[in-house]
C-alpha atoms as a PDB file:
ATOM      1  CA  MET A   1       0.000   0.000   0.000  1.00  0.00           C
ATOM      2  CA  GLY A   2       1.480   3.345  -1.004  1.00  0.00           C
ATOM      3  CA  LEU A   3       1.431   6.623   0.882  1.00  0.00           C
ATOM      4  CA  VAL A   4      -1.892   7.618  -0.688  1.00  0.00           C
ATOM      5  CA  GLY A   5      -3.496   4.327   0.395  1.00  0.00           C
ATOM      6  CA  PHE A   6      -2.191   4.857   3.930  1.00  0.00           C
ATOM      7  CA  LEU A   7      -3.587   8.388   4.019  1.00  0.00           C
ATOM      8  CA  LEU A   8      -6.986   7.183   2.806  1.00  0.00           C
ATOM      9  CA  ARG A   9      -7.189   4.754   5.683  1.00  0.00           C
ATOM     10  CA  ALA A  10      -5.886   7.283   8.210  1.00  0.00           C
ATOM     11  CA  ILE A  11      -7.844  10.366   7.154  1.00  0.00           C
ATOM     12  CA  ARG A  12     -11.613  10.123   6.809  1.00  0.00           C
ATOM     13  CA  THR A  13     -12.626  13.690   5.960  1.00  0.00           C
ATOM     14  CA  PRO A  14     -15.318  13.268   3.211  1.00  0.00           C
ATOM     15  CA  GLY A  15     -14.008  15.994   0.894  1.00  0.00           C
ATOM     16  CA  LEU A  16     -10.413  14.905   1.316  1.00  0.00           C
ATOM     17  CA  LEU A  17     -11.316  11.248   0.830  1.00  0.00           C
ATOM     18  CA  LEU A  18     -12.929  12.044  -2.507  1.00  0.00           C
ATOM     19  CA  VAL A  19      -9.967  14.064  -3.777  1.00  0.00           C
ATOM     20  CA  LEU A  20      -7.356  11.521  -2.676  1.00  0.00           C
ATOM     21  CA  GLY A  21      -9.493   8.623  -3.907  1.00  0.00           C
ATOM     22  CA  LEU A  22      -9.785  10.079  -7.383  1.00  0.00           C
ATOM     23  CA  HIS A  23      -6.048  10.687  -7.459  1.00  0.00           C
ATOM     24  CA  CYS A  24      -5.254   7.152  -6.394  1.00  0.00           C
ATOM     25  CA  ALA A  25      -7.792   5.614  -8.787  1.00  0.00           C
ATOM     26  CA  ALA A  26      -5.695   7.139 -11.544  1.00  0.00           C
ATOM     27  CA  CYS A  27      -2.643   5.281 -10.230  1.00  0.00           C
ATOM     28  CA  GLY A  28      -4.524   1.971 -10.160  1.00  0.00           C
ATOM     29  CA  GLU A  29      -4.226   1.203  -6.430  1.00  0.00           C
ATOM     30  CA  GLY A  30      -6.973  -0.185  -4.210  1.00  0.00           C
ATOM     31  CA  THR A  31     -10.243  -1.227  -5.797  1.00  0.00           C
ATOM     32  CA  SER A  32     -11.673  -3.101  -2.827  1.00  0.00           C
ATOM     33  CA  PRO A  33     -14.074  -1.936  -0.112  1.00  0.00           C
ATOM     34  CA  GLY A  34     -12.326   0.427   2.273  1.00  0.00           C
ATOM     35  CA  GLY A  35      -9.806   1.383  -0.389  1.00  0.00           C
ATOM     36  CA  ASP A  36      -9.635   4.076  -3.005  1.00  0.00           C
ATOM     37  CA  VAL A  37     -12.347   5.097  -5.441  1.00  0.00           C
ATOM     38  CA  PRO A  38     -12.454   2.223  -7.956  1.00  0.00           C
ATOM     39  CA  ASP A  39     -12.444   2.460 -11.715  1.00  0.00           C
ATOM     40  CA  PRO A  40     -14.530  -0.553 -12.851  1.00  0.00           C
ATOM     41  CA  ASP A  41     -13.922  -1.969 -16.326  1.00  0.00           C
ATOM     42  CA  GLY A  42     -17.609  -1.968 -17.391  1.00  0.00           C
ATOM     43  CA  SER A  43     -17.942  -5.735 -17.666  1.00  0.00           C
ATOM     44  CA  SER A  44     -20.408  -6.177 -14.790  1.00  0.00           C
ATOM     45  CA  PRO A  45     -23.900  -7.282 -15.866  1.00  0.00           C
ATOM     46  CA  VAL A  46     -25.420  -5.127 -13.094  1.00  0.00           C
ATOM     47  CA  VAL A  47     -24.716  -1.405 -12.810  1.00  0.00           C
ATOM     48  CA  LEU A  48     -25.766   1.620 -10.818  1.00  0.00           C
ATOM     49  CA  ASN A  49     -28.374   3.343 -12.982  1.00  0.00           C
ATOM     50  CA  GLU A  50     -30.092   6.091 -10.981  1.00  0.00           C
ATOM     51  CA  LEU A  51     -30.081   7.606  -7.503  1.00  0.00           C
ATOM     52  CA  LEU A  52     -31.993  10.187  -5.516  1.00  0.00           C
ATOM     53  CA  ALA A  53     -30.162  11.714  -2.557  1.00  0.00           C
ATOM     54  CA  SER A  54     -32.914  14.180  -1.646  1.00  0.00           C
ATOM     55  CA  ASN A  55     -36.281  12.431  -1.893  1.00  0.00           C
ATOM     56  CA  ASP A  56     -39.091  14.706  -0.689  1.00  0.00           C
ATOM     57  CA  ALA A  57     -42.023  13.291  -2.688  1.00  0.00           C
ATOM     58  CA  VAL A  58     -40.909  10.937  -5.497  1.00  0.00           C
ATOM     59  CA  LEU A  59     -41.231   7.462  -3.966  1.00  0.00           C
ATOM     60  CA  ALA A  60     -42.165   6.286  -0.473  1.00  0.00           C
ATOM     61  CA  ASP A  61     -40.806   3.079   1.032  1.00  0.00           C
ATOM     62  CA  GLU A  62     -42.882   0.389   2.749  1.00  0.00           C
ATOM     63  CA  ALA A  63     -43.045   2.537   5.915  1.00  0.00           C
ATOM     64  CA  GLY A  64     -44.377   5.545   3.982  1.00  0.00           C
ATOM     65  CA  GLU A  65     -41.078   7.424   4.303  1.00  0.00           C
ATOM     66  CA  PHE A  66     -39.513   9.401   1.462  1.00  0.00           C
ATOM     67  CA  ASP A  67     -35.930   8.201   1.856  1.00  0.00           C
ATOM     68  CA  ASP A  68     -32.860   8.240  -0.375  1.00  0.00           C
ATOM     69  CA  TRP A  69     -32.745   5.450  -2.923  1.00  0.00           C
ATOM     70  CA  LEU A  70     -30.547   4.003  -5.620  1.00  0.00           C
ATOM     71  CA  GLU A  71     -31.454   1.864  -8.588  1.00  0.00           C
ATOM     72  CA  LEU A  72     -29.545  -1.100  -9.986  1.00  0.00           C
ATOM     73  CA  HIS A  73     -30.052  -2.238 -13.578  1.00  0.00           C
ATOM     74  CA  ASN A  74     -29.280  -5.676 -14.997  1.00  0.00           C
ATOM     75  CA  LYS A  75     -28.097  -5.024 -18.540  1.00  0.00           C
ATOM     76  CA  SER A  76     -27.707  -8.727 -19.307  1.00  0.00           C
ATOM     77  CA  GLU A  77     -30.131 -11.264 -20.767  1.00  0.00           C
ATOM     78  CA  ALA A  78     -29.989 -13.494 -17.675  1.00  0.00           C
ATOM     79  CA  GLU A  79     -31.198 -13.175 -14.107  1.00  0.00           C
ATOM     80  CA  VAL A  80     -28.396 -12.228 -11.684  1.00  0.00           C
ATOM     81  CA  ASP A  81     -28.136 -13.351  -8.058  1.00  0.00           C
ATOM     82  CA  LEU A  82     -26.985 -10.301  -6.074  1.00  0.00           C
ATOM     83  CA  GLY A  83     -26.659 -12.114  -2.747  1.00  0.00           C
ATOM     84  CA  GLY A  84     -23.338 -11.090  -1.204  1.00  0.00           C
ATOM     85  CA  TRP A  85     -22.794  -8.087  -3.488  1.00  0.00           C
ATOM     86  CA  LEU A  86     -21.822  -4.930  -1.601  1.00  0.00           C
ATOM     87  CA  LEU A  87     -22.765  -1.246  -1.680  1.00  0.00           C
ATOM     88  CA  SER A  88     -20.885   1.642  -0.146  1.00  0.00           C
ATOM     89  CA  GLY A  89     -21.624   5.324  -0.030  1.00  0.00           C
ATOM     90  CA  GLY A  90     -19.343   7.682   1.880  1.00  0.00           C
ATOM     91  CA  PRO A  91     -16.408   7.017   4.174  1.00  0.00           C
ATOM     92  CA  ARG A  92     -18.298   5.153   6.940  1.00  0.00           C
ATOM     93  CA  SER A  93     -19.761   2.493   4.671  1.00  0.00           C
ATOM     94  CA  ALA A  94     -16.518   2.235   2.684  1.00  0.00           C
ATOM     95  CA  GLU A  95     -14.990   0.534   5.732  1.00  0.00           C
ATOM     96  CA  GLU A  96     -17.957  -1.839   6.177  1.00  0.00           C
ATOM     97  CA  PRO A  97     -20.086  -1.896   3.011  1.00  0.00           C
ATOM     98  CA  PHE A  98     -23.732  -2.928   3.073  1.00  0.00           C
ATOM     99  CA  VAL A  99     -24.126  -6.548   1.960  1.00  0.00           C
ATOM    100  CA  LEU A 100     -27.113  -7.428  -0.239  1.00  0.00           C
ATOM    101  CA  PRO A 101     -28.793 -10.433   1.403  1.00  0.00           C
ATOM    102  CA  ALA A 102     -28.880 -13.980   0.034  1.00  0.00           C
ATOM    103  CA  GLY A 103     -31.786 -14.467  -2.340  1.00  0.00           C
ATOM    104  CA  THR A 104     -31.638 -10.925  -3.756  1.00  0.00           C
ATOM    105  CA  ARG A 105     -32.116 -11.304  -7.499  1.00  0.00           C
ATOM    106  CA  ILE A 106     -32.583  -8.981 -10.425  1.00  0.00           C
ATOM    107  CA  ASP A 107     -34.360 -10.147 -13.577  1.00  0.00           C
ATOM    108  CA  ALA A 108     -32.765 -10.009 -17.017  1.00  0.00           C
ATOM    109  CA  GLY A 109     -33.099  -6.419 -18.208  1.00  0.00           C
ATOM    110  CA  GLY A 110     -34.649  -5.571 -14.835  1.00  0.00           C
ATOM    111  CA  TYR A 111     -34.356  -2.830 -12.233  1.00  0.00           C
ATOM    112  CA  LEU A 112     -34.050  -3.017  -8.459  1.00  0.00           C
ATOM    113  CA  VAL A 113     -34.569  -0.136  -6.031  1.00  0.00           C
ATOM    114  CA  VAL A 114     -32.484  -0.199  -2.850  1.00  0.00           C
ATOM    115  CA  TRP A 115     -33.297   2.253  -0.042  1.00  0.00           C
ATOM    116  CA  ALA A 116     -30.223   4.185   1.149  1.00  0.00           C
ATOM    117  CA  ASP A 117     -31.908   5.244   4.380  1.00  0.00           C
ATOM    118  CA  ASP A 118     -29.758   3.984   7.261  1.00  0.00           C
ATOM    119  CA  ASP A 119     -32.777   1.930   8.368  1.00  0.00           C
ATOM    120  CA  PRO A 120     -31.803  -1.742   7.801  1.00  0.00           C
ATOM    121  CA  GLU A 121     -34.431  -2.908  10.292  1.00  0.00           C
ATOM    122  CA  GLN A 122     -37.110  -1.835   7.765  1.00  0.00           C
ATOM    123  CA  GLY A 123     -36.204  -4.654   5.368  1.00  0.00           C
ATOM    124  CA  ASP A 124     -33.559  -6.467   3.375  1.00  0.00           C
ATOM    125  CA  LEU A 125     -33.216  -3.714   0.775  1.00  0.00           C
ATOM    126  CA  HIS A 126     -32.679  -0.886   3.297  1.00  0.00           C
ATOM    127  CA  THR A 127     -28.981  -0.037   3.653  1.00  0.00           C
ATOM    128  CA  ASP A 128     -27.151   1.026   6.777  1.00  0.00           C
ATOM    129  CA  PHE A 129     -26.054   4.299   5.137  1.00  0.00           C
ATOM    130  CA  LYS A 130     -27.679   7.338   3.533  1.00  0.00           C
ATOM    131  CA  LEU A 131     -26.653   9.167   0.395  1.00  0.00           C
ATOM    132  CA  ALA A 132     -25.087  12.580   0.950  1.00  0.00           C
ATOM    133  CA  ARG A 133     -27.123  15.390  -0.594  1.00  0.00           C
ATOM    134  CA  VAL A 134     -23.873  17.360  -0.980  1.00  0.00           C
ATOM    135  CA  GLY A 135     -22.527  14.614  -3.264  1.00  0.00           C
ATOM    136  CA  GLU A 136     -20.224  11.637  -2.776  1.00  0.00           C
ATOM    137  CA  THR A 137     -19.042   8.434  -4.395  1.00  0.00           C
ATOM    138  CA  LEU A 138     -21.340   5.401  -4.482  1.00  0.00           C
ATOM    139  CA  VAL A 139     -19.801   2.003  -5.269  1.00  0.00           C
ATOM    140  CA  LEU A 140     -21.303  -1.383  -6.171  1.00  0.00           C
ATOM    141  CA  TYR A 141     -19.003  -4.369  -5.528  1.00  0.00           C
ATOM    142  CA  LEU A 142     -19.242  -7.994  -6.622  1.00  0.00           C
ATOM    143  CA  SER A 143     -19.366 -10.541  -3.797  1.00  0.00           C
ATOM    144  CA  ASP A 144     -15.589 -11.045  -4.117  1.00  0.00           C
ATOM    145  CA  GLY A 145     -14.940  -7.346  -3.404  1.00  0.00           C
ATOM    146  CA  GLU A 146     -14.132  -6.413  -7.005  1.00  0.00           C
ATOM    147  CA  ALA A 147     -15.685  -3.101  -8.044  1.00  0.00           C
ATOM    148  CA  ALA A 148     -18.628  -3.634 -10.413  1.00  0.00           C
ATOM    149  CA  ASP A 149     -19.587   0.028 -10.872  1.00  0.00           C
ATOM    150  CA  SER A 150     -19.214   3.433  -9.246  1.00  0.00           C
ATOM    151  CA  VAL A 151     -20.473   6.968  -9.617  1.00  0.00           C
ATOM    152  CA  THR A 152     -19.361  10.223  -8.062  1.00  0.00           C
ATOM    153  CA  PHE A 153     -22.361  12.508  -7.997  1.00  0.00           C
ATOM    154  CA  PRO A 154     -22.498  16.264  -7.377  1.00  0.00           C
ATOM    155  CA  GLU A 155     -24.717  18.122  -4.916  1.00  0.00           C
ATOM    156  CA  GLN A 156     -28.340  17.076  -5.399  1.00  0.00           C
ATOM    157  CA  GLN A 157     -31.597  19.039  -5.421  1.00  0.00           C
ATOM    158  CA  ALA A 158     -34.874  17.780  -3.957  1.00  0.00           C
ATOM    159  CA  ASP A 159     -36.708  15.279  -6.175  1.00  0.00           C
ATOM    160  CA  ILE A 160     -34.236  15.570  -9.075  1.00  0.00           C
ATOM    161  CA  SER A 161     -32.431  12.290  -9.637  1.00  0.00           C
ATOM    162  CA  TRP A 162     -28.935  11.603 -10.972  1.00  0.00           C
ATOM    163  CA  ALA A 163     -29.413   9.061 -13.751  1.00  0.00           C
ATOM    164  CA  ARG A 164     -27.734   7.372 -16.682  1.00  0.00           C
ATOM    165  CA  GLN A 165     -29.338   8.228 -19.991  1.00  0.00           C
ATOM    166  CA  PRO A 166     -29.622   5.904 -21.807  1.00  0.00           C
ATOM    167  CA  ASP A 167     -29.801   3.134 -19.218  1.00  0.00           C
ATOM    168  CA  ALA A 168     -26.651   1.293 -18.148  1.00  0.00           C
ATOM    169  CA  SER A 169     -24.234   2.970 -20.534  1.00  0.00           C
ATOM    170  CA  GLY A 170     -25.113   6.616 -20.941  1.00  0.00           C
ATOM    171  CA  GLU A 171     -23.712   9.687 -19.285  1.00  0.00           C
ATOM    172  CA  TRP A 172     -24.850  10.553 -15.767  1.00  0.00           C
ATOM    173  CA  GLN A 173     -27.045  13.650 -15.663  1.00  0.00           C
ATOM    174  CA  SER A 174     -29.798  15.325 -13.651  1.00  0.00           C
ATOM    175  CA  SER A 175     -33.318  14.122 -14.342  1.00  0.00           C
ATOM    176  CA  THR A 176     -36.453  16.070 -13.450  1.00  0.00           C
ATOM    177  CA  SER A 177     -38.446  12.879 -14.124  1.00  0.00           C
ATOM    178  CA  PRO A 178     -37.059  10.253 -11.722  1.00  0.00           C
ATOM    179  CA  SER A 179     -37.962   6.691 -12.728  1.00  0.00           C
ATOM    180  CA  PRO A 180     -37.196   4.346  -9.808  1.00  0.00           C
ATOM    181  CA  GLY A 181     -37.561   0.721 -10.861  1.00  0.00           C
ATOM    182  CA  ALA A 182     -38.019   1.621 -14.541  1.00  0.00           C
ATOM    183  CA  SER A 183     -36.079   2.775 -17.587  1.00  0.00           C
ATOM    184  CA  ASN A 184     -34.563   6.256 -17.633  1.00  0.00           C
ATOM    185  CA  ASP A 185     -34.979   6.500 -21.410  1.00  0.00           C
END
């Protein structure tokens, strides 16, 4: 582990973590949870597709709460078992990423909404972290810890999502028509 990797583990200031992580991603070090910001190769069948870090009225969870959410999209033609895959958002969850439970599946071409609400007792798809409205890096990892996908999003406005357009491969951009669990196109 180089000096930058050591600093990332020693210093957990969110803004500093992001800057150092982006620097170190360029040097190719640390693509596992708790490490630097990864640079996935795009081969994962499941990707991050949309997120809403300031949900005032777009979609309520099972408890009737308007919490942060993220959407995964399976771009393949086969169902994918996500049991054991990991999600991290921000420095706290980078050390101990949220683990998607056994039996979590996403249909071929399908979408899955995961609540980033720091309320895991509300159900299997409720993470133990929230998304930062001021922006941060969100990472999806395969069950072996290899980075599947990541996005660094800017400061968010209420009920405007950050989405890939077109789905799975397009550029990330603001969307005034959030589409949780459905295509962004």
